[in-house]
Amino acid sequence: MTAVGSNGDGKISVSASRAGDFVHLRVEDNGVGFRPEESKRLFEKFYRPGDEMRREGSGQGLGLYIVRSFIELERGRLKASSDGPGKGAVFEVWWPTAGNEAS
């Protein structure tokens, strides 16, 4: 299943597929992106990429932390990637199917 939406120049693509004992969800956008070296830190509590002194967006840095917490409770996996600022981002989740004991 794939869905694509757009708002002005922004585009988001969402897809879901079965990957063994997991459901693989992929969300890709052409938004602000982030530096590749920040990919693991994005899921830390209160972390917000970029320069705090030049911050234009709002938020507390909790959204992706909460997502990670829920995914890990279910023994799933997640990852984020981007080719850099201004180049969009990809977020992927592998959610175990019912009865699967992921390691």
PDB file of N, CA and C in Angstrom:
ATOM      1  N   MET A   1       0.842  -1.171   0.000  1.00  0.00           N
ATOM      2  CA  MET A   1       0.000   0.000   0.000  1.00  0.00           C
ATOM      3  C   MET A   1       0.886   1.231   0.000  1.00  0.00           C
ATOM      4  N   THR A   2       0.558   2.192  -0.825  1.00  0.00           N
ATOM      5  CA  THR A   2       1.298   3.453  -0.883  1.00  0.00           C
ATOM      6  C   THR A   2       0.300   4.597  -0.979  1.00  0.00           C
ATOM      7  N   ALA A   3       0.573   5.657  -0.252  1.00  0.00           N
ATOM      8  CA  ALA A   3      -0.247   6.867  -0.333  1.00  0.00           C
ATOM      9  C   ALA A   3       0.688   8.049  -0.493  1.00  0.00           C
ATOM     10  N   VAL A   4       0.305   8.999  -1.307  1.00  0.00           N
ATOM     11  CA  VAL A   4       1.111  10.200  -1.518  1.00  0.00           C
ATOM     12  C   VAL A   4       0.219  11.407  -1.323  1.00  0.00           C
ATOM     13  N   GLY A   5       0.698  12.375  -0.573  1.00  0.00           N
ATOM     14  CA  GLY A   5      -0.047  13.603  -0.366  1.00  0.00           C
ATOM     15  C   GLY A   5       0.856  14.794  -0.598  1.00  0.00           C
ATOM     16  N   SER A   6       0.250  15.933  -0.841  1.00  0.00           N
ATOM     17  CA  SER A   6       1.065  17.136  -1.009  1.00  0.00           C
ATOM     18  C   SER A   6       0.306  18.328  -0.455  1.00  0.00           C
ATOM     19  N   ASN A   7       1.072  19.312  -0.031  1.00  0.00           N
ATOM     20  CA  ASN A   7       0.533  20.554   0.492  1.00  0.00           C
ATOM     21  C   ASN A   7       1.439  21.650  -0.043  1.00  0.00           C
ATOM     22  N   GLY A   8       1.013  22.336  -1.066  1.00  0.00           N
ATOM     23  CA  GLY A   8       1.890  23.300  -1.707  1.00  0.00           C
ATOM     24  C   GLY A   8       3.009  22.554  -2.403  1.00  0.00           C
ATOM     25  N   ASP A   9       4.246  22.895  -2.056  1.00  0.00           N
ATOM     26  CA  ASP A   9       5.399  22.219  -2.638  1.00  0.00           C
ATOM     27  C   ASP A   9       5.827  21.002  -1.834  1.00  0.00           C
ATOM     28  N   GLY A  10       5.256  20.806  -0.662  1.00  0.00           N
ATOM     29  CA  GLY A  10       5.639  19.681   0.182  1.00  0.00           C
ATOM     30  C   GLY A  10       4.946  18.401  -0.241  1.00  0.00           C
ATOM     31  N   LYS A  11       5.694  17.301  -0.212  1.00  0.00           N
ATOM     32  CA  LYS A  11       5.123  16.002  -0.560  1.00  0.00           C
ATOM     33  C   LYS A  11       5.500  14.978   0.497  1.00  0.00           C
ATOM     34  N   ILE A  12       4.558  14.087   0.782  1.00  0.00           N
ATOM     35  CA  ILE A  12       4.783  12.992   1.724  1.00  0.00           C
ATOM     36  C   ILE A  12       4.309  11.717   1.066  1.00  0.00           C
ATOM     37  N   SER A  13       5.129  10.696   1.160  1.00  0.00           N
ATOM     38  CA  SER A  13       4.793   9.381   0.641  1.00  0.00           C
ATOM     39  C   SER A  13       4.810   8.400   1.809  1.00  0.00           C
ATOM     40  N   VAL A  14       3.757   7.621   1.943  1.00  0.00           N
ATOM     41  CA  VAL A  14       3.655   6.635   3.011  1.00  0.00           C
ATOM     42  C   VAL A  14       3.409   5.279   2.377  1.00  0.00           C
ATOM     43  N   SER A  15       4.193   4.287   2.776  1.00  0.00           N
ATOM     44  CA  SER A  15       3.983   2.942   2.249  1.00  0.00           C
ATOM     45  C   SER A  15       4.067   1.936   3.393  1.00  0.00           C
ATOM     46  N   ALA A  16       3.394   0.821   3.207  1.00  0.00           N
ATOM     47  CA  ALA A  16       3.412  -0.268   4.181  1.00  0.00           C
ATOM     48  C   ALA A  16       3.512  -1.582   3.429  1.00  0.00           C
ATOM     49  N   SER A  17       4.313  -2.482   3.971  1.00  0.00           N
ATOM     50  CA  SER A  17       4.458  -3.794   3.358  1.00  0.00           C
ATOM     51  C   SER A  17       4.793  -4.804   4.439  1.00  0.00           C
ATOM     52  N   ARG A  18       4.634  -6.056   4.112  1.00  0.00           N
ATOM     53  CA  ARG A  18       4.995  -7.139   5.030  1.00  0.00           C
ATOM     54  C   ARG A  18       6.458  -7.475   4.793  1.00  0.00           C
ATOM     55  N   ALA A  19       7.244  -7.595   5.857  1.00  0.00           N
ATOM     56  CA  ALA A  19       8.659  -7.954   5.775  1.00  0.00           C
ATOM     57  C   ALA A  19       8.912  -9.073   6.778  1.00  0.00           C
ATOM     58  N   GLY A  20       8.658 -10.299   6.362  1.00  0.00           N
ATOM     59  CA  GLY A  20       8.811 -11.433   7.281  1.00  0.00           C
ATOM     60  C   GLY A  20       7.785 -11.347   8.391  1.00  0.00           C
ATOM     61  N   ASP A  21       8.267 -11.299   9.639  1.00  0.00           N
ATOM     62  CA  ASP A  21       7.388 -11.212  10.803  1.00  0.00           C
ATOM     63  C   ASP A  21       7.113  -9.776  11.225  1.00  0.00           C
ATOM     64  N   PHE A  22       7.351  -8.831  10.313  1.00  0.00           N
ATOM     65  CA  PHE A  22       7.175  -7.421  10.620  1.00  0.00           C
ATOM     66  C   PHE A  22       6.309  -6.747   9.561  1.00  0.00           C
ATOM     67  N   VAL A  23       5.676  -5.659   9.973  1.00  0.00           N
ATOM     68  CA  VAL A  23       5.071  -4.730   9.039  1.00  0.00           C
ATOM     69  C   VAL A  23       6.073  -3.590   8.901  1.00  0.00           C
ATOM     70  N   HIS A  24       6.454  -3.298   7.678  1.00  0.00           N
ATOM     71  CA  HIS A  24       7.429  -2.234   7.412  1.00  0.00           C
ATOM     72  C   HIS A  24       6.674  -0.994   6.949  1.00  0.00           C
ATOM     73  N   LEU A  25       6.780   0.074   7.728  1.00  0.00           N
ATOM     74  CA  LEU A  25       6.171   1.361   7.384  1.00  0.00           C
ATOM     75  C   LEU A  25       7.281   2.311   6.972  1.00  0.00           C
ATOM     76  N   ARG A  26       7.057   3.021   5.877  1.00  0.00           N
ATOM     77  CA  ARG A  26       8.048   3.972   5.376  1.00  0.00           C
ATOM     78  C   ARG A  26       7.350   5.295   5.078  1.00  0.00           C
ATOM     79  N   VAL A  27       7.850   6.364   5.665  1.00  0.00           N
ATOM     80  CA  VAL A  27       7.322   7.707   5.438  1.00  0.00           C
ATOM     81  C   VAL A  27       8.470   8.538   4.873  1.00  0.00           C
ATOM     82  N   GLU A  28       8.245   9.100   3.683  1.00  0.00           N
ATOM     83  CA  GLU A  28       9.286   9.883   3.018  1.00  0.00           C
ATOM     84  C   GLU A  28       8.711  11.246   2.663  1.00  0.00           C
ATOM     85  N   ASP A  29       9.495  12.303   2.900  1.00  0.00           N
ATOM     86  CA  ASP A  29       9.036  13.649   2.547  1.00  0.00           C
ATOM     87  C   ASP A  29      10.142  14.417   1.824  1.00  0.00           C
ATOM     88  N   ASN A  30       9.781  15.563   1.295  1.00  0.00           N
ATOM     89  CA  ASN A  30      10.772  16.422   0.643  1.00  0.00           C
ATOM     90  C   ASN A  30      10.956  17.699   1.457  1.00  0.00           C
ATOM     91  N   GLY A  31      10.819  17.562   2.775  1.00  0.00           N
ATOM     92  CA  GLY A  31      10.875  18.713   3.679  1.00  0.00           C
ATOM     93  C   GLY A  31      12.269  19.163   4.055  1.00  0.00           C
ATOM     94  N   VAL A  32      12.405  19.662   5.268  1.00  0.00           N
ATOM     95  CA  VAL A  32      13.626  20.330   5.711  1.00  0.00           C
ATOM     96  C   VAL A  32      14.821  19.396   5.870  1.00  0.00           C
ATOM     97  N   GLY A  33      14.594  18.114   6.097  1.00  0.00           N
ATOM     98  CA  GLY A  33      15.694  17.171   6.252  1.00  0.00           C
ATOM     99  C   GLY A  33      16.537  17.456   7.482  1.00  0.00           C
ATOM    100  N   PHE A  34      17.673  16.787   7.576  1.00  0.00           N
ATOM    101  CA  PHE A  34      18.596  16.965   8.693  1.00  0.00           C
ATOM    102  C   PHE A  34      19.958  16.426   8.287  1.00  0.00           C
ATOM    103  N   ARG A  35      20.984  16.805   9.039  1.00  0.00           N
ATOM    104  CA  ARG A  35      22.325  16.291   8.761  1.00  0.00           C
ATOM    105  C   ARG A  35      22.354  14.793   9.046  1.00  0.00           C
ATOM    106  N   PRO A  36      22.929  13.987   8.165  1.00  0.00           N
ATOM    107  CA  PRO A  36      22.938  12.532   8.352  1.00  0.00           C
ATOM    108  C   PRO A  36      23.461  12.088   9.715  1.00  0.00           C
ATOM    109  N   GLU A  37      24.436  12.782  10.257  1.00  0.00           N
ATOM    110  CA  GLU A  37      24.994  12.380  11.558  1.00  0.00           C
ATOM    111  C   GLU A  37      24.024  12.589  12.718  1.00  0.00           C
ATOM    112  N   GLU A  38      22.913  13.269  12.481  1.00  0.00           N
ATOM    113  CA  GLU A  38      21.909  13.485  13.525  1.00  0.00           C
ATOM    114  C   GLU A  38      20.858  12.378  13.577  1.00  0.00           C
ATOM    115  N   SER A  39      20.930  11.417  12.677  1.00  0.00           N
ATOM    116  CA  SER A  39      19.844  10.441  12.533  1.00  0.00           C
ATOM    117  C   SER A  39      19.522   9.681  13.820  1.00  0.00           C
ATOM    118  N   LYS A  40      20.507   9.257  14.573  1.00  0.00           N
ATOM    119  CA  LYS A  40      20.229   8.515  15.808  1.00  0.00           C
ATOM    120  C   LYS A  40      19.760   9.441  16.931  1.00  0.00           C
ATOM    121  N   ARG A  41      20.261  10.664  16.958  1.00  0.00           N
ATOM    122  CA  ARG A  41      19.886  11.600  18.023  1.00  0.00           C
ATOM    123  C   ARG A  41      18.456  12.098  17.905  1.00  0.00           C
ATOM    124  N   LEU A  42      17.866  12.013  16.716  1.00  0.00           N
ATOM    125  CA  LEU A  42      16.502  12.515  16.520  1.00  0.00           C
ATOM    126  C   LEU A  42      15.509  11.887  17.482  1.00  0.00           C
ATOM    127  N   PHE A  43      15.785  10.672  17.942  1.00  0.00           N
ATOM    128  CA  PHE A  43      14.859   9.943  18.797  1.00  0.00           C
ATOM    129  C   PHE A  43      15.140  10.153  20.287  1.00  0.00           C
ATOM    130  N   GLU A  44      16.106  11.015  20.618  1.00  0.00           N
ATOM    131  CA  GLU A  44      16.411  11.311  22.011  1.00  0.00           C
ATOM    132  C   GLU A  44      15.409  12.320  22.570  1.00  0.00           C
ATOM    133  N   LYS A  45      15.155  12.201  23.852  1.00  0.00           N
ATOM    134  CA  LYS A  45      14.229  13.103  24.529  1.00  0.00           C
ATOM    135  C   LYS A  45      14.737  14.540  24.465  1.00  0.00           C
ATOM    136  N   PHE A  46      13.891  15.454  24.032  1.00  0.00           N
ATOM    137  CA  PHE A  46      14.134  16.894  23.933  1.00  0.00           C
ATOM    138  C   PHE A  46      15.137  17.290  22.846  1.00  0.00           C
ATOM    139  N   TYR A  47      15.573  16.358  22.016  1.00  0.00           N
ATOM    140  CA  TYR A  47      16.524  16.715  20.973  1.00  0.00           C
ATOM    141  C   TYR A  47      15.799  17.349  19.793  1.00  0.00           C
ATOM    142  N   ARG A  48      16.333  18.450  19.311  1.00  0.00           N
ATOM    143  CA  ARG A  48      15.824  19.122  18.118  1.00  0.00           C
ATOM    144  C   ARG A  48      17.006  19.460  17.239  1.00  0.00           C
ATOM    145  N   PRO A  49      17.021  19.001  15.996  1.00  0.00           N
ATOM    146  CA  PRO A  49      18.165  19.286  15.135  1.00  0.00           C
ATOM    147  C   PRO A  49      18.249  20.766  14.783  1.00  0.00           C
ATOM    148  N   GLY A  50      19.441  21.189  14.428  1.00  0.00           N
ATOM    149  CA  GLY A  50      19.629  22.567  14.012  1.00  0.00           C
ATOM    150  C   GLY A  50      20.194  23.442  15.111  1.00  0.00           C
ATOM    151  N   ASP A  51      20.252  24.704  14.849  1.00  0.00           N
ATOM    152  CA  ASP A  51      20.835  25.704  15.733  1.00  0.00           C
ATOM    153  C   ASP A  51      19.728  26.326  16.587  1.00  0.00           C
ATOM    154  N   GLU A  52      19.826  26.164  17.907  1.00  0.00           N
ATOM    155  CA  GLU A  52      18.798  26.704  18.808  1.00  0.00           C
ATOM    156  C   GLU A  52      18.686  28.226  18.703  1.00  0.00           C
ATOM    157  N   MET A  53      19.773  28.898  18.395  1.00  0.00           N
ATOM    158  CA  MET A  53      19.754  30.358  18.311  1.00  0.00           C
ATOM    159  C   MET A  53      19.067  30.850  17.036  1.00  0.00           C
ATOM    160  N   ARG A  54      18.915  29.983  16.051  1.00  0.00           N
ATOM    161  CA  ARG A  54      18.281  30.367  14.782  1.00  0.00           C
ATOM    162  C   ARG A  54      17.001  29.578  14.530  1.00  0.00           C
ATOM    163  N   ARG A  55      16.454  29.004  15.557  1.00  0.00           N
ATOM    164  CA  ARG A  55      15.298  28.128  15.430  1.00  0.00           C
ATOM    165  C   ARG A  55      14.093  28.883  14.895  1.00  0.00           C
ATOM    166  N   GLU A  56      13.476  28.357  13.841  1.00  0.00           N
ATOM    167  CA  GLU A  56      12.270  28.948  13.265  1.00  0.00           C
ATOM    168  C   GLU A  56      11.033  28.124  13.579  1.00  0.00           C
ATOM    169  N   GLY A  57      11.200  26.815  13.744  1.00  0.00           N
ATOM    170  CA  GLY A  57      10.064  25.943  14.020  1.00  0.00           C
ATOM    171  C   GLY A  57       9.787  25.812  15.501  1.00  0.00           C
ATOM    172  N   SER A  58       8.597  25.338  15.806  1.00  0.00           N
ATOM    173  CA  SER A  58       8.232  25.134  17.196  1.00  0.00           C
ATOM    174  C   SER A  58       8.339  23.653  17.535  1.00  0.00           C
ATOM    175  N   GLY A  59       8.125  23.326  18.776  1.00  0.00           N
ATOM    176  CA  GLY A  59       8.162  21.938  19.222  1.00  0.00           C
ATOM    177  C   GLY A  59       9.040  21.795  20.442  1.00  0.00           C
ATOM    178  N   GLN A  60       8.870  20.678  21.108  1.00  0.00           N
ATOM    179  CA  GLN A  60       9.616  20.431  22.341  1.00  0.00           C
ATOM    180  C   GLN A  60      10.667  19.334  22.203  1.00  0.00           C
ATOM    181  N   GLY A  61      10.686  18.656  21.072  1.00  0.00           N
ATOM    182  CA  GLY A  61      11.636  17.565  20.907  1.00  0.00           C
ATOM    183  C   GLY A  61      11.181  16.290  21.582  1.00  0.00           C
ATOM    184  N   LEU A  62       9.874  16.084  21.671  1.00  0.00           N
ATOM    185  CA  LEU A  62       9.352  14.872  22.319  1.00  0.00           C
ATOM    186  C   LEU A  62       8.665  13.913  21.352  1.00  0.00           C
ATOM    187  N   GLY A  63       8.218  14.378  20.212  1.00  0.00           N
ATOM    188  CA  GLY A  63       7.426  13.547  19.304  1.00  0.00           C
ATOM    189  C   GLY A  63       8.119  12.270  18.882  1.00  0.00           C
ATOM    190  N   LEU A  64       9.327  12.367  18.344  1.00  0.00           N
ATOM    191  CA  LEU A  64      10.030  11.165  17.893  1.00  0.00           C
ATOM    192  C   LEU A  64      10.494  10.311  19.057  1.00  0.00           C
ATOM    193  N   TYR A  65      10.767  10.930  20.202  1.00  0.00           N
ATOM    194  CA  TYR A  65      11.100  10.166  21.408  1.00  0.00           C
ATOM    195  C   TYR A  65       9.913   9.283  21.819  1.00  0.00           C
ATOM    196  N   ILE A  66       8.720   9.841  21.774  1.00  0.00           N
ATOM    197  CA  ILE A  66       7.516   9.078  22.134  1.00  0.00           C
ATOM    198  C   ILE A  66       7.287   7.948  21.139  1.00  0.00           C
ATOM    199  N   VAL A  67       7.460   8.225  19.845  1.00  0.00           N
ATOM    200  CA  VAL A  67       7.330   7.180  18.825  1.00  0.00           C
ATOM    201  C   VAL A  67       8.306   6.053  19.112  1.00  0.00           C
ATOM    202  N   ARG A  68       9.568   6.398  19.368  1.00  0.00           N
ATOM    203  CA  ARG A  68      10.576   5.366  19.659  1.00  0.00           C
ATOM    204  C   ARG A  68      10.180   4.542  20.885  1.00  0.00           C
ATOM    205  N   SER A  69       9.672   5.199  21.907  1.00  0.00           N
ATOM    206  CA  SER A  69       9.276   4.485  23.130  1.00  0.00           C
ATOM    207  C   SER A  69       8.188   3.456  22.849  1.00  0.00           C
ATOM    208  N   PHE A  70       7.182   3.827  22.067  1.00  0.00           N
ATOM    209  CA  PHE A  70       6.116   2.885  21.725  1.00  0.00           C
ATOM    210  C   PHE A  70       6.632   1.727  20.875  1.00  0.00           C
ATOM    211  N   ILE A  71       7.462   2.042  19.899  1.00  0.00           N
ATOM    212  CA  ILE A  71       7.999   1.000  19.025  1.00  0.00           C
ATOM    213  C   ILE A  71       8.844   0.017  19.827  1.00  0.00           C
ATOM    214  N   GLU A  72       9.698   0.532  20.707  1.00  0.00           N
ATOM    215  CA  GLU A  72      10.555  -0.346  21.501  1.00  0.00           C
ATOM    216  C   GLU A  72       9.758  -1.187  22.490  1.00  0.00           C
ATOM    217  N   LEU A  73       8.657  -0.650  23.007  1.00  0.00           N
ATOM    218  CA  LEU A  73       7.801  -1.443  23.897  1.00  0.00           C
ATOM    219  C   LEU A  73       7.271  -2.689  23.196  1.00  0.00           C
ATOM    220  N   GLU A  74       7.056  -2.577  21.900  1.00  0.00           N
ATOM    221  CA  GLU A  74       6.540  -3.694  21.108  1.00  0.00           C
ATOM    222  C   GLU A  74       7.659  -4.497  20.438  1.00  0.00           C
ATOM    223  N   ARG A  75       8.902  -4.193  20.798  1.00  0.00           N
ATOM    224  CA  ARG A  75      10.085  -4.872  20.251  1.00  0.00           C
ATOM    225  C   ARG A  75      10.259  -4.645  18.753  1.00  0.00           C
ATOM    226  N   GLY A  76       9.879  -3.468  18.320  1.00  0.00           N
ATOM    227  CA  GLY A  76      10.071  -3.094  16.928  1.00  0.00           C
ATOM    228  C   GLY A  76      11.373  -2.323  16.750  1.00  0.00           C
ATOM    229  N   ARG A  77      11.589  -1.880  15.536  1.00  0.00           N
ATOM    230  CA  ARG A  77      12.795  -1.115  15.207  1.00  0.00           C
ATOM    231  C   ARG A  77      12.383   0.116  14.404  1.00  0.00           C
ATOM    232  N   LEU A  78      13.216   1.132  14.446  1.00  0.00           N
ATOM    233  CA  LEU A  78      12.956   2.300  13.625  1.00  0.00           C
ATOM    234  C   LEU A  78      14.263   2.970  13.242  1.00  0.00           C
ATOM    235  N   LYS A  79      14.204   3.746  12.163  1.00  0.00           N
ATOM    236  CA  LYS A  79      15.385   4.470  11.714  1.00  0.00           C
ATOM    237  C   LYS A  79      14.946   5.697  10.941  1.00  0.00           C
ATOM    238  N   ALA A  80      15.824   6.684  10.942  1.00  0.00           N
ATOM    239  CA  ALA A  80      15.597   7.915  10.195  1.00  0.00           C
ATOM    240  C   ALA A  80      16.824   8.172   9.339  1.00  0.00           C
ATOM    241  N   SER A  81      16.597   8.713   8.159  1.00  0.00           N
ATOM    242  CA  SER A  81      17.725   9.063   7.298  1.00  0.00           C
ATOM    243  C   SER A  81      17.381  10.297   6.477  1.00  0.00           C
ATOM    244  N   SER A  82      18.427  11.001   6.077  1.00  0.00           N
ATOM    245  CA  SER A  82      18.283  12.188   5.242  1.00  0.00           C
ATOM    246  C   SER A  82      19.609  12.418   4.544  1.00  0.00           C
ATOM    247  N   ASP A  83      19.554  12.992   3.359  1.00  0.00           N
ATOM    248  CA  ASP A  83      20.774  13.344   2.633  1.00  0.00           C
ATOM    249  C   ASP A  83      21.293  14.711   3.050  1.00  0.00           C
ATOM    250  N   GLY A  84      20.609  15.372   3.968  1.00  0.00           N
ATOM    251  CA  GLY A  84      21.075  16.647   4.478  1.00  0.00           C
ATOM    252  C   GLY A  84      19.965  17.680   4.535  1.00  0.00           C
ATOM    253  N   PRO A  85      20.248  18.824   5.170  1.00  0.00           N
ATOM    254  CA  PRO A  85      19.249  19.888   5.275  1.00  0.00           C
ATOM    255  C   PRO A  85      18.705  20.286   3.902  1.00  0.00           C
ATOM    256  N   GLY A  86      17.396  20.414   3.842  1.00  0.00           N
ATOM    257  CA  GLY A  86      16.730  20.801   2.606  1.00  0.00           C
ATOM    258  C   GLY A  86      16.499  19.663   1.630  1.00  0.00           C
ATOM    259  N   LYS A  87      16.875  18.446   2.016  1.00  0.00           N
ATOM    260  CA  LYS A  87      16.776  17.308   1.097  1.00  0.00           C
ATOM    261  C   LYS A  87      15.767  16.254   1.541  1.00  0.00           C
ATOM    262  N   GLY A  88      14.862  16.619   2.411  1.00  0.00           N
ATOM    263  CA  GLY A  88      13.834  15.679   2.833  1.00  0.00           C
ATOM    264  C   GLY A  88      14.352  14.648   3.817  1.00  0.00           C
ATOM    265  N   ALA A  89      13.461  13.740   4.211  1.00  0.00           N
ATOM    266  CA  ALA A  89      13.802  12.710   5.189  1.00  0.00           C
ATOM    267  C   ALA A  89      13.000  11.450   4.926  1.00  0.00           C
ATOM    268  N   VAL A  90      13.523  10.349   5.437  1.00  0.00           N
ATOM    269  CA  VAL A  90      12.837   9.063   5.379  1.00  0.00           C
ATOM    270  C   VAL A  90      12.812   8.504   6.805  1.00  0.00           C
ATOM    271  N   PHE A  91      11.629   8.105   7.252  1.00  0.00           N
ATOM    272  CA  PHE A  91      11.466   7.454   8.548  1.00  0.00           C
ATOM    273  C   PHE A  91      10.900   6.069   8.282  1.00  0.00           C
ATOM    274  N   GLU A  92      11.530   5.054   8.878  1.00  0.00           N
ATOM    275  CA  GLU A  92      11.091   3.683   8.672  1.00  0.00           C
ATOM    276  C   GLU A  92      10.861   3.010  10.021  1.00  0.00           C
ATOM    277  N   VAL A  93       9.804   2.204  10.074  1.00  0.00           N
ATOM    278  CA  VAL A  93       9.457   1.452  11.273  1.00  0.00           C
ATOM    279  C   VAL A  93       9.212   0.008  10.881  1.00  0.00           C
ATOM    280  N   TRP A  94       9.761  -0.896  11.667  1.00  0.00           N
ATOM    281  CA  TRP A  94       9.469  -2.321  11.513  1.00  0.00           C
ATOM    282  C   TRP A  94       8.715  -2.733  12.770  1.00  0.00           C
ATOM    283  N   TRP A  95       7.414  -2.974  12.609  1.00  0.00           N
ATOM    284  CA  TRP A  95       6.519  -3.280  13.726  1.00  0.00           C
ATOM    285  C   TRP A  95       6.229  -4.772  13.691  1.00  0.00           C
ATOM    286  N   PRO A  96       6.501  -5.497  14.784  1.00  0.00           N
ATOM    287  CA  PRO A  96       6.267  -6.949  14.764  1.00  0.00           C
ATOM    288  C   PRO A  96       4.778  -7.284  14.609  1.00  0.00           C
ATOM    289  N   THR A  97       4.523  -8.323  13.855  1.00  0.00           N
ATOM    290  CA  THR A  97       3.151  -8.801  13.733  1.00  0.00           C
ATOM    291  C   THR A  97       2.761  -9.514  15.019  1.00  0.00           C
ATOM    292  N   ALA A  98       1.491  -9.744  15.205  1.00  0.00           N
ATOM    293  CA  ALA A  98       0.982 -10.386  16.433  1.00  0.00           C
ATOM    294  C   ALA A  98       1.687 -11.721  16.664  1.00  0.00           C
ATOM    295  N   GLY A  99       2.143 -11.923  17.901  1.00  0.00           N
ATOM    296  CA  GLY A  99       2.779 -13.179  18.261  1.00  0.00           C
ATOM    297  C   GLY A  99       4.249 -13.257  17.935  1.00  0.00           C
ATOM    298  N   ASN A 100       4.798 -12.270  17.249  1.00  0.00           N
ATOM    299  CA  ASN A 100       6.213 -12.289  16.905  1.00  0.00           C
ATOM    300  C   ASN A 100       7.044 -11.764  18.066  1.00  0.00           C
ATOM    301  N   GLU A 101       8.047 -12.500  18.462  1.00  0.00           N
ATOM    302  CA  GLU A 101       8.972 -12.064  19.509  1.00  0.00           C
ATOM    303  C   GLU A 101      10.236 -11.588  18.836  1.00  0.00           C
ATOM    304  N   ALA A 102      10.289 -10.311  18.468  1.00  0.00           N
ATOM    305  CA  ALA A 102      11.481  -9.767  17.803  1.00  0.00           C
ATOM    306  C   ALA A 102      12.651  -9.724  18.759  1.00  0.00           C
ATOM    307  N   SER A 103      13.829  -9.825  18.213  1.00  0.00           N
ATOM    308  CA  SER A 103      15.010  -9.759  19.074  1.00  0.00           C
ATOM    309  C   SER A 103      15.753  -8.467  18.871  1.00  0.00           C
TER     310      SER A 103
END
